[in-house]
Amino acid sequence: MAKGIKTGGRKEGTQNRLTSEMRSVLKGIIDHELDHLPDHLDKLDDKQRLEFVLRLLPFVLPKVEVISHTTGERWDQYM
């Protein structure tokens, strides 16, 4: 195959059929599990429930980054 020249396969922009089918199947599984999530959480003990919620937090809340002061920077501009 010549470098940079596409000679076969899918046309540009055409979705991979297997990928779209897999996404559809996984979406159905996730939808089903989300419907049953409250029941599953009720069966967990307090420690397991807390660990589960903590693992989901990064998907819901943005991470907070530490902001540090650099030498020579004026503090009064932030107040």
PDB file of N, CA and C in Angstrom:
ATOM      1  N   MET A   1       0.850  -1.171   0.000  1.00  0.00           N
ATOM      2  CA  MET A   1       0.000   0.000   0.000  1.00  0.00           C
ATOM      3  C   MET A   1       0.894   1.232   0.000  1.00  0.00           C
ATOM      4  N   ALA A   2       0.562   2.168  -0.833  1.00  0.00           N
ATOM      5  CA  ALA A   2       1.338   3.401  -0.921  1.00  0.00           C
ATOM      6  C   ALA A   2       1.120   4.224   0.332  1.00  0.00           C
ATOM      7  N   LYS A   3       2.162   4.892   0.756  1.00  0.00           N
ATOM      8  CA  LYS A   3       2.099   5.710   1.964  1.00  0.00           C
ATOM      9  C   LYS A   3       1.111   6.864   1.785  1.00  0.00           C
ATOM     10  N   GLY A   4       0.152   6.969   2.711  1.00  0.00           N
ATOM     11  CA  GLY A   4      -0.786   8.080   2.686  1.00  0.00           C
ATOM     12  C   GLY A   4      -1.937   7.936   1.713  1.00  0.00           C
ATOM     13  N   ILE A   5      -1.974   6.871   0.934  1.00  0.00           N
ATOM     14  CA  ILE A   5      -3.046   6.673  -0.037  1.00  0.00           C
ATOM     15  C   ILE A   5      -3.892   5.487   0.406  1.00  0.00           C
ATOM     16  N   LYS A   6      -5.173   5.735   0.624  1.00  0.00           N
ATOM     17  CA  LYS A   6      -6.083   4.678   1.051  1.00  0.00           C
ATOM     18  C   LYS A   6      -6.563   3.921  -0.182  1.00  0.00           C
ATOM     19  N   THR A   7      -6.375   2.605  -0.167  1.00  0.00           N
ATOM     20  CA  THR A   7      -6.726   1.825  -1.347  1.00  0.00           C
ATOM     21  C   THR A   7      -7.881   0.853  -1.121  1.00  0.00           C
ATOM     22  N   GLY A   8      -8.405   0.769   0.098  1.00  0.00           N
ATOM     23  CA  GLY A   8      -9.495  -0.165   0.353  1.00  0.00           C
ATOM     24  C   GLY A   8     -10.112   0.067   1.713  1.00  0.00           C
ATOM     25  N   GLY A   9     -11.007  -0.814   2.103  1.00  0.00           N
ATOM     26  CA  GLY A   9     -11.650  -0.699   3.405  1.00  0.00           C
ATOM     27  C   GLY A   9     -12.848   0.225   3.372  1.00  0.00           C
ATOM     28  N   ARG A  10     -13.254   0.656   4.568  1.00  0.00           N
ATOM     29  CA  ARG A  10     -14.414   1.547   4.679  1.00  0.00           C
ATOM     30  C   ARG A  10     -14.077   2.927   4.135  1.00  0.00           C
ATOM     31  N   LYS A  11     -15.096   3.589   3.661  1.00  0.00           N
ATOM     32  CA  LYS A  11     -14.953   4.986   3.242  1.00  0.00           C
ATOM     33  C   LYS A  11     -14.744   5.834   4.487  1.00  0.00           C
ATOM     34  N   GLU A  12     -14.084   6.951   4.346  1.00  0.00           N
ATOM     35  CA  GLU A  12     -13.841   7.845   5.465  1.00  0.00           C
ATOM     36  C   GLU A  12     -15.172   8.299   6.063  1.00  0.00           C
ATOM     37  N   GLY A  13     -15.278   8.212   7.401  1.00  0.00           N
ATOM     38  CA  GLY A  13     -16.493   8.633   8.094  1.00  0.00           C
ATOM     39  C   GLY A  13     -17.500   7.516   8.301  1.00  0.00           C
ATOM     40  N   THR A  14     -17.333   6.370   7.645  1.00  0.00           N
ATOM     41  CA  THR A  14     -18.235   5.243   7.818  1.00  0.00           C
ATOM     42  C   THR A  14     -17.917   4.548   9.129  1.00  0.00           C
ATOM     43  N   GLN A  15     -18.956   4.316   9.957  1.00  0.00           N
ATOM     44  CA  GLN A  15     -18.743   3.673  11.243  1.00  0.00           C
ATOM     45  C   GLN A  15     -18.472   2.190  11.078  1.00  0.00           C
ATOM     46  N   ASN A  16     -17.676   1.668  11.989  1.00  0.00           N
ATOM     47  CA  ASN A  16     -17.416   0.240  12.046  1.00  0.00           C
ATOM     48  C   ASN A  16     -18.686  -0.447  12.559  1.00  0.00           C
ATOM     49  N   ARG A  17     -19.221  -1.385  11.798  1.00  0.00           N
ATOM     50  CA  ARG A  17     -20.475  -2.053  12.142  1.00  0.00           C
ATOM     51  C   ARG A  17     -20.360  -2.807  13.465  1.00  0.00           C
ATOM     52  N   LEU A  18     -19.259  -3.507  13.678  1.00  0.00           N
ATOM     53  CA  LEU A  18     -19.071  -4.276  14.904  1.00  0.00           C
ATOM     54  C   LEU A  18     -19.034  -3.346  16.116  1.00  0.00           C
ATOM     55  N   THR A  19     -18.355  -2.215  15.989  1.00  0.00           N
ATOM     56  CA  THR A  19     -18.267  -1.266  17.095  1.00  0.00           C
ATOM     57  C   THR A  19     -19.638  -0.714  17.443  1.00  0.00           C
ATOM     58  N   SER A  20     -20.429  -0.339  16.451  1.00  0.00           N
ATOM     59  CA  SER A  20     -21.754   0.217  16.736  1.00  0.00           C
ATOM     60  C   SER A  20     -22.678  -0.851  17.322  1.00  0.00           C
ATOM     61  N   GLU A  21     -22.567  -2.092  16.888  1.00  0.00           N
ATOM     62  CA  GLU A  21     -23.377  -3.172  17.459  1.00  0.00           C
ATOM     63  C   GLU A  21     -22.973  -3.424  18.909  1.00  0.00           C
ATOM     64  N   MET A  22     -21.662  -3.409  19.176  1.00  0.00           N
ATOM     65  CA  MET A  22     -21.169  -3.638  20.524  1.00  0.00           C
ATOM     66  C   MET A  22     -21.624  -2.516  21.455  1.00  0.00           C
ATOM     67  N   ARG A  23     -21.575  -1.284  20.978  1.00  0.00           N
ATOM     68  CA  ARG A  23     -22.040  -0.150  21.790  1.00  0.00           C
ATOM     69  C   ARG A  23     -23.522  -0.286  22.108  1.00  0.00           C
ATOM     70  N   SER A  24     -24.302  -0.740  21.152  1.00  0.00           N
ATOM     71  CA  SER A  24     -25.733  -0.916  21.362  1.00  0.00           C
ATOM     72  C   SER A  24     -26.004  -1.980  22.427  1.00  0.00           C
ATOM     73  N   VAL A  25     -25.294  -3.088  22.361  1.00  0.00           N
ATOM     74  CA  VAL A  25     -25.456  -4.161  23.347  1.00  0.00           C
ATOM     75  C   VAL A  25     -25.047  -3.674  24.737  1.00  0.00           C
ATOM     76  N   LEU A  26     -23.887  -3.004  24.818  1.00  0.00           N
ATOM     77  CA  LEU A  26     -23.413  -2.504  26.108  1.00  0.00           C
ATOM     78  C   LEU A  26     -24.345  -1.443  26.687  1.00  0.00           C
ATOM     79  N   LYS A  27     -24.915  -0.609  25.833  1.00  0.00           N
ATOM     80  CA  LYS A  27     -25.861   0.411  26.293  1.00  0.00           C
ATOM     81  C   LYS A  27     -27.092  -0.257  26.910  1.00  0.00           C
ATOM     82  N   GLY A  28     -27.575  -1.330  26.297  1.00  0.00           N
ATOM     83  CA  GLY A  28     -28.714  -2.064  26.847  1.00  0.00           C
ATOM     84  C   GLY A  28     -28.394  -2.669  28.207  1.00  0.00           C
ATOM     85  N   ILE A  29     -27.187  -3.216  28.349  1.00  0.00           N
ATOM     86  CA  ILE A  29     -26.775  -3.799  29.632  1.00  0.00           C
ATOM     87  C   ILE A  29     -26.704  -2.721  30.701  1.00  0.00           C
ATOM     88  N   ILE A  30     -26.087  -1.590  30.368  1.00  0.00           N
ATOM     89  CA  ILE A  30     -25.951  -0.489  31.325  1.00  0.00           C
ATOM     90  C   ILE A  30     -27.327   0.055  31.721  1.00  0.00           C
ATOM     91  N   ASP A  31     -28.212   0.243  30.748  1.00  0.00           N
ATOM     92  CA  ASP A  31     -29.570   0.717  31.046  1.00  0.00           C
ATOM     93  C   ASP A  31     -30.277  -0.225  32.021  1.00  0.00           C
ATOM     94  N   HIS A  32     -30.143  -1.525  31.776  1.00  0.00           N
ATOM     95  CA  HIS A  32     -30.770  -2.528  32.635  1.00  0.00           C
ATOM     96  C   HIS A  32     -30.201  -2.450  34.047  1.00  0.00           C
ATOM     97  N   GLU A  33     -28.882  -2.363  34.157  1.00  0.00           N
ATOM     98  CA  GLU A  33     -28.243  -2.324  35.472  1.00  0.00           C
ATOM     99  C   GLU A  33     -28.560  -1.035  36.219  1.00  0.00           C
ATOM    100  N   LEU A  34     -28.671   0.095  35.507  1.00  0.00           N
ATOM    101  CA  LEU A  34     -29.009   1.346  36.166  1.00  0.00           C
ATOM    102  C   LEU A  34     -30.417   1.300  36.762  1.00  0.00           C
ATOM    103  N   ASP A  35     -31.306   0.576  36.090  1.00  0.00           N
ATOM    104  CA  ASP A  35     -32.662   0.415  36.620  1.00  0.00           C
ATOM    105  C   ASP A  35     -32.647  -0.339  37.949  1.00  0.00           C
ATOM    106  N   HIS A  36     -31.704  -1.272  38.100  1.00  0.00           N
ATOM    107  CA  HIS A  36     -31.634  -2.107  39.297  1.00  0.00           C
ATOM    108  C   HIS A  36     -30.609  -1.612  40.315  1.00  0.00           C
ATOM    109  N   LEU A  37     -29.974  -0.487  40.042  1.00  0.00           N
ATOM    110  CA  LEU A  37     -28.916   0.020  40.917  1.00  0.00           C
ATOM    111  C   LEU A  37     -29.381   0.256  42.355  1.00  0.00           C
ATOM    112  N   PRO A  38     -30.530   0.888  42.581  1.00  0.00           N
ATOM    113  CA  PRO A  38     -30.958   1.076  43.984  1.00  0.00           C
ATOM    114  C   PRO A  38     -31.107  -0.250  44.750  1.00  0.00           C
ATOM    115  N   ASP A  39     -31.620  -1.284  44.083  1.00  0.00           N
ATOM    116  CA  ASP A  39     -31.761  -2.588  44.736  1.00  0.00           C
ATOM    117  C   ASP A  39     -30.399  -3.173  45.079  1.00  0.00           C
ATOM    118  N   HIS A  40     -29.442  -3.043  44.156  1.00  0.00           N
ATOM    119  CA  HIS A  40     -28.093  -3.566  44.396  1.00  0.00           C
ATOM    120  C   HIS A  40     -27.418  -2.810  45.540  1.00  0.00           C
ATOM    121  N   LEU A  41     -27.594  -1.490  45.579  1.00  0.00           N
ATOM    122  CA  LEU A  41     -26.976  -0.694  46.637  1.00  0.00           C
ATOM    123  C   LEU A  41     -27.559  -1.039  48.007  1.00  0.00           C
ATOM    124  N   ASP A  42     -28.843  -1.329  48.060  1.00  0.00           N
ATOM    125  CA  ASP A  42     -29.475  -1.701  49.327  1.00  0.00           C
ATOM    126  C   ASP A  42     -28.899  -2.991  49.894  1.00  0.00           C
ATOM    127  N   LYS A  43     -28.404  -3.867  49.039  1.00  0.00           N
ATOM    128  CA  LYS A  43     -27.860  -5.152  49.486  1.00  0.00           C
ATOM    129  C   LYS A  43     -26.425  -5.036  50.009  1.00  0.00           C
ATOM    130  N   LEU A  44     -25.762  -3.899  49.736  1.00  0.00           N
ATOM    131  CA  LEU A  44     -24.381  -3.716  50.176  1.00  0.00           C
ATOM    132  C   LEU A  44     -24.343  -3.217  51.618  1.00  0.00           C
ATOM    133  N   ASP A  45     -23.272  -3.579  52.326  1.00  0.00           N
ATOM    134  CA  ASP A  45     -23.106  -3.002  53.663  1.00  0.00           C
ATOM    135  C   ASP A  45     -22.581  -1.573  53.509  1.00  0.00           C
ATOM    136  N   ASP A  46     -22.521  -0.853  54.607  1.00  0.00           N
ATOM    137  CA  ASP A  46     -22.155   0.568  54.549  1.00  0.00           C
ATOM    138  C   ASP A  46     -20.787   0.803  53.911  1.00  0.00           C
ATOM    139  N   LYS A  47     -19.799  -0.016  54.258  1.00  0.00           N
ATOM    140  CA  LYS A  47     -18.445   0.156  53.728  1.00  0.00           C
ATOM    141  C   LYS A  47     -18.422  -0.063  52.211  1.00  0.00           C
ATOM    142  N   GLN A  48     -19.070  -1.116  51.755  1.00  0.00           N
ATOM    143  CA  GLN A  48     -19.106  -1.413  50.318  1.00  0.00           C
ATOM    144  C   GLN A  48     -19.837  -0.311  49.555  1.00  0.00           C
ATOM    145  N   ARG A  49     -20.945   0.191  50.122  1.00  0.00           N
ATOM    146  CA  ARG A  49     -21.707   1.251  49.478  1.00  0.00           C
ATOM    147  C   ARG A  49     -20.873   2.519  49.348  1.00  0.00           C
ATOM    148  N   LEU A  50     -20.140   2.873  50.408  1.00  0.00           N
ATOM    149  CA  LEU A  50     -19.284   4.052  50.384  1.00  0.00           C
ATOM    150  C   LEU A  50     -18.167   3.902  49.352  1.00  0.00           C
ATOM    151  N   GLU A  51     -17.551   2.725  49.286  1.00  0.00           N
ATOM    152  CA  GLU A  51     -16.498   2.479  48.295  1.00  0.00           C
ATOM    153  C   GLU A  51     -17.049   2.604  46.875  1.00  0.00           C
ATOM    154  N   PHE A  52     -18.241   2.100  46.661  1.00  0.00           N
ATOM    155  CA  PHE A  52     -18.871   2.176  45.341  1.00  0.00           C
ATOM    156  C   PHE A  52     -19.114   3.626  44.943  1.00  0.00           C
ATOM    157  N   VAL A  53     -19.678   4.394  45.866  1.00  0.00           N
ATOM    158  CA  VAL A  53     -19.963   5.809  45.586  1.00  0.00           C
ATOM    159  C   VAL A  53     -18.667   6.568  45.329  1.00  0.00           C
ATOM    160  N   LEU A  54     -17.627   6.301  46.112  1.00  0.00           N
ATOM    161  CA  LEU A  54     -16.343   6.979  45.916  1.00  0.00           C
ATOM    162  C   LEU A  54     -15.733   6.656  44.553  1.00  0.00           C
ATOM    163  N   ARG A  55     -15.930   5.449  44.083  1.00  0.00           N
ATOM    164  CA  ARG A  55     -15.404   5.087  42.751  1.00  0.00           C
ATOM    165  C   ARG A  55     -16.159   5.797  41.629  1.00  0.00           C
ATOM    166  N   LEU A  56     -17.420   6.137  41.864  1.00  0.00           N
ATOM    167  CA  LEU A  56     -18.215   6.829  40.844  1.00  0.00           C
ATOM    168  C   LEU A  56     -17.997   8.341  40.835  1.00  0.00           C
ATOM    169  N   LEU A  57     -17.509   8.901  41.929  1.00  0.00           N
ATOM    170  CA  LEU A  57     -17.349  10.350  42.035  1.00  0.00           C
ATOM    171  C   LEU A  57     -16.566  10.979  40.882  1.00  0.00           C
ATOM    172  N   PRO A  58     -15.438  10.409  40.442  1.00  0.00           N
ATOM    173  CA  PRO A  58     -14.701  11.050  39.343  1.00  0.00           C
ATOM    174  C   PRO A  58     -15.503  11.182  38.048  1.00  0.00           C
ATOM    175  N   PHE A  59     -16.548  10.381  37.895  1.00  0.00           N
ATOM    176  CA  PHE A  59     -17.367  10.463  36.691  1.00  0.00           C
ATOM    177  C   PHE A  59     -18.442  11.537  36.805  1.00  0.00           C
ATOM    178  N   VAL A  60     -18.659  12.027  38.034  1.00  0.00           N
ATOM    179  CA  VAL A  60     -19.728  12.991  38.278  1.00  0.00           C
ATOM    180  C   VAL A  60     -19.187  14.378  38.602  1.00  0.00           C
ATOM    181  N   LEU A  61     -18.157  14.428  39.449  1.00  0.00           N
ATOM    182  CA  LEU A  61     -17.582  15.693  39.884  1.00  0.00           C
ATOM    183  C   LEU A  61     -16.207  15.899  39.266  1.00  0.00           C
ATOM    184  N   PRO A  62     -15.883  17.132  38.883  1.00  0.00           N
ATOM    185  CA  PRO A  62     -14.544  17.380  38.332  1.00  0.00           C
ATOM    186  C   PRO A  62     -13.492  17.290  39.425  1.00  0.00           C
ATOM    187  N   LYS A  63     -12.283  16.911  39.036  1.00  0.00           N
ATOM    188  CA  LYS A  63     -11.179  16.849  39.983  1.00  0.00           C
ATOM    189  C   LYS A  63     -10.734  18.253  40.338  1.00  0.00           C
ATOM    190  N   VAL A  64     -10.413  18.455  41.604  1.00  0.00           N
ATOM    191  CA  VAL A  64      -9.936  19.747  42.069  1.00  0.00           C
ATOM    192  C   VAL A  64      -8.418  19.720  42.030  1.00  0.00           C
ATOM    193  N   GLU A  65      -7.830  20.749  41.434  1.00  0.00           N
ATOM    194  CA  GLU A  65      -6.379  20.833  41.371  1.00  0.00           C
ATOM    195  C   GLU A  65      -5.888  21.876  42.354  1.00  0.00           C
ATOM    196  N   VAL A  66      -4.737  21.609  42.943  1.00  0.00           N
ATOM    197  CA  VAL A  66      -4.141  22.540  43.883  1.00  0.00           C
ATOM    198  C   VAL A  66      -3.522  23.695  43.105  1.00  0.00           C
ATOM    199  N   ILE A  67      -3.776  24.911  43.572  1.00  0.00           N
ATOM    200  CA  ILE A  67      -3.188  26.096  42.958  1.00  0.00           C
ATOM    201  C   ILE A  67      -2.140  26.611  43.924  1.00  0.00           C
ATOM    202  N   SER A  68      -0.941  26.800  43.444  1.00  0.00           N
ATOM    203  CA  SER A  68       0.124  27.261  44.328  1.00  0.00           C
ATOM    204  C   SER A  68       0.564  28.668  43.951  1.00  0.00           C
ATOM    205  N   HIS A  69       1.110  29.362  44.938  1.00  0.00           N
ATOM    206  CA  HIS A  69       1.590  30.730  44.764  1.00  0.00           C
ATOM    207  C   HIS A  69       3.023  30.677  44.252  1.00  0.00           C
ATOM    208  N   THR A  70       3.319  31.458  43.242  1.00  0.00           N
ATOM    209  CA  THR A  70       4.694  31.530  42.757  1.00  0.00           C
ATOM    210  C   THR A  70       5.329  32.827  43.238  1.00  0.00           C
ATOM    211  N   THR A  71       6.622  32.821  43.414  1.00  0.00           N
ATOM    212  CA  THR A  71       7.346  33.987  43.911  1.00  0.00           C
ATOM    213  C   THR A  71       7.156  35.172  42.972  1.00  0.00           C
ATOM    214  N   GLY A  72       6.857  36.333  43.572  1.00  0.00           N
ATOM    215  CA  GLY A  72       6.696  37.535  42.790  1.00  0.00           C
ATOM    216  C   GLY A  72       5.281  37.780  42.322  1.00  0.00           C
ATOM    217  N   GLU A  73       4.392  36.834  42.526  1.00  0.00           N
ATOM    218  CA  GLU A  73       3.005  36.990  42.105  1.00  0.00           C
ATOM    219  C   GLU A  73       2.262  37.829  43.138  1.00  0.00           C
ATOM    220  N   ARG A  74       1.459  38.768  42.700  1.00  0.00           N
ATOM    221  CA  ARG A  74       0.706  39.649  43.605  1.00  0.00           C
ATOM    222  C   ARG A  74      -0.547  38.940  44.085  1.00  0.00           C
ATOM    223  N   TRP A  75      -0.746  38.897  45.403  1.00  0.00           N
ATOM    224  CA  TRP A  75      -1.927  38.263  45.963  1.00  0.00           C
ATOM    225  C   TRP A  75      -3.150  39.152  45.879  1.00  0.00           C
ATOM    226  N   ASP A  76      -2.976  40.466  45.944  1.00  0.00           N
ATOM    227  CA  ASP A  76      -4.114  41.357  45.987  1.00  0.00           C
ATOM    228  C   ASP A  76      -4.930  41.365  44.684  1.00  0.00           C
ATOM    229  N   GLN A  77      -4.369  40.852  43.612  1.00  0.00           N
ATOM    230  CA  GLN A  77      -5.127  40.824  42.352  1.00  0.00           C
ATOM    231  C   GLN A  77      -6.236  39.775  42.389  1.00  0.00           C
ATOM    232  N   TYR A  78      -6.167  38.834  43.337  1.00  0.00           N
ATOM    233  CA  TYR A  78      -7.175  37.782  43.433  1.00  0.00           C
ATOM    234  C   TYR A  78      -8.254  38.098  44.448  1.00  0.00           C
ATOM    235  N   MET A  79      -8.100  39.199  45.174  1.00  0.00           N
ATOM    236  CA  MET A  79      -9.063  39.516  46.241  1.00  0.00           C
ATOM    237  C   MET A  79      -9.939  40.663  45.851  1.00  0.00           C
TER     238      MET A  79
END
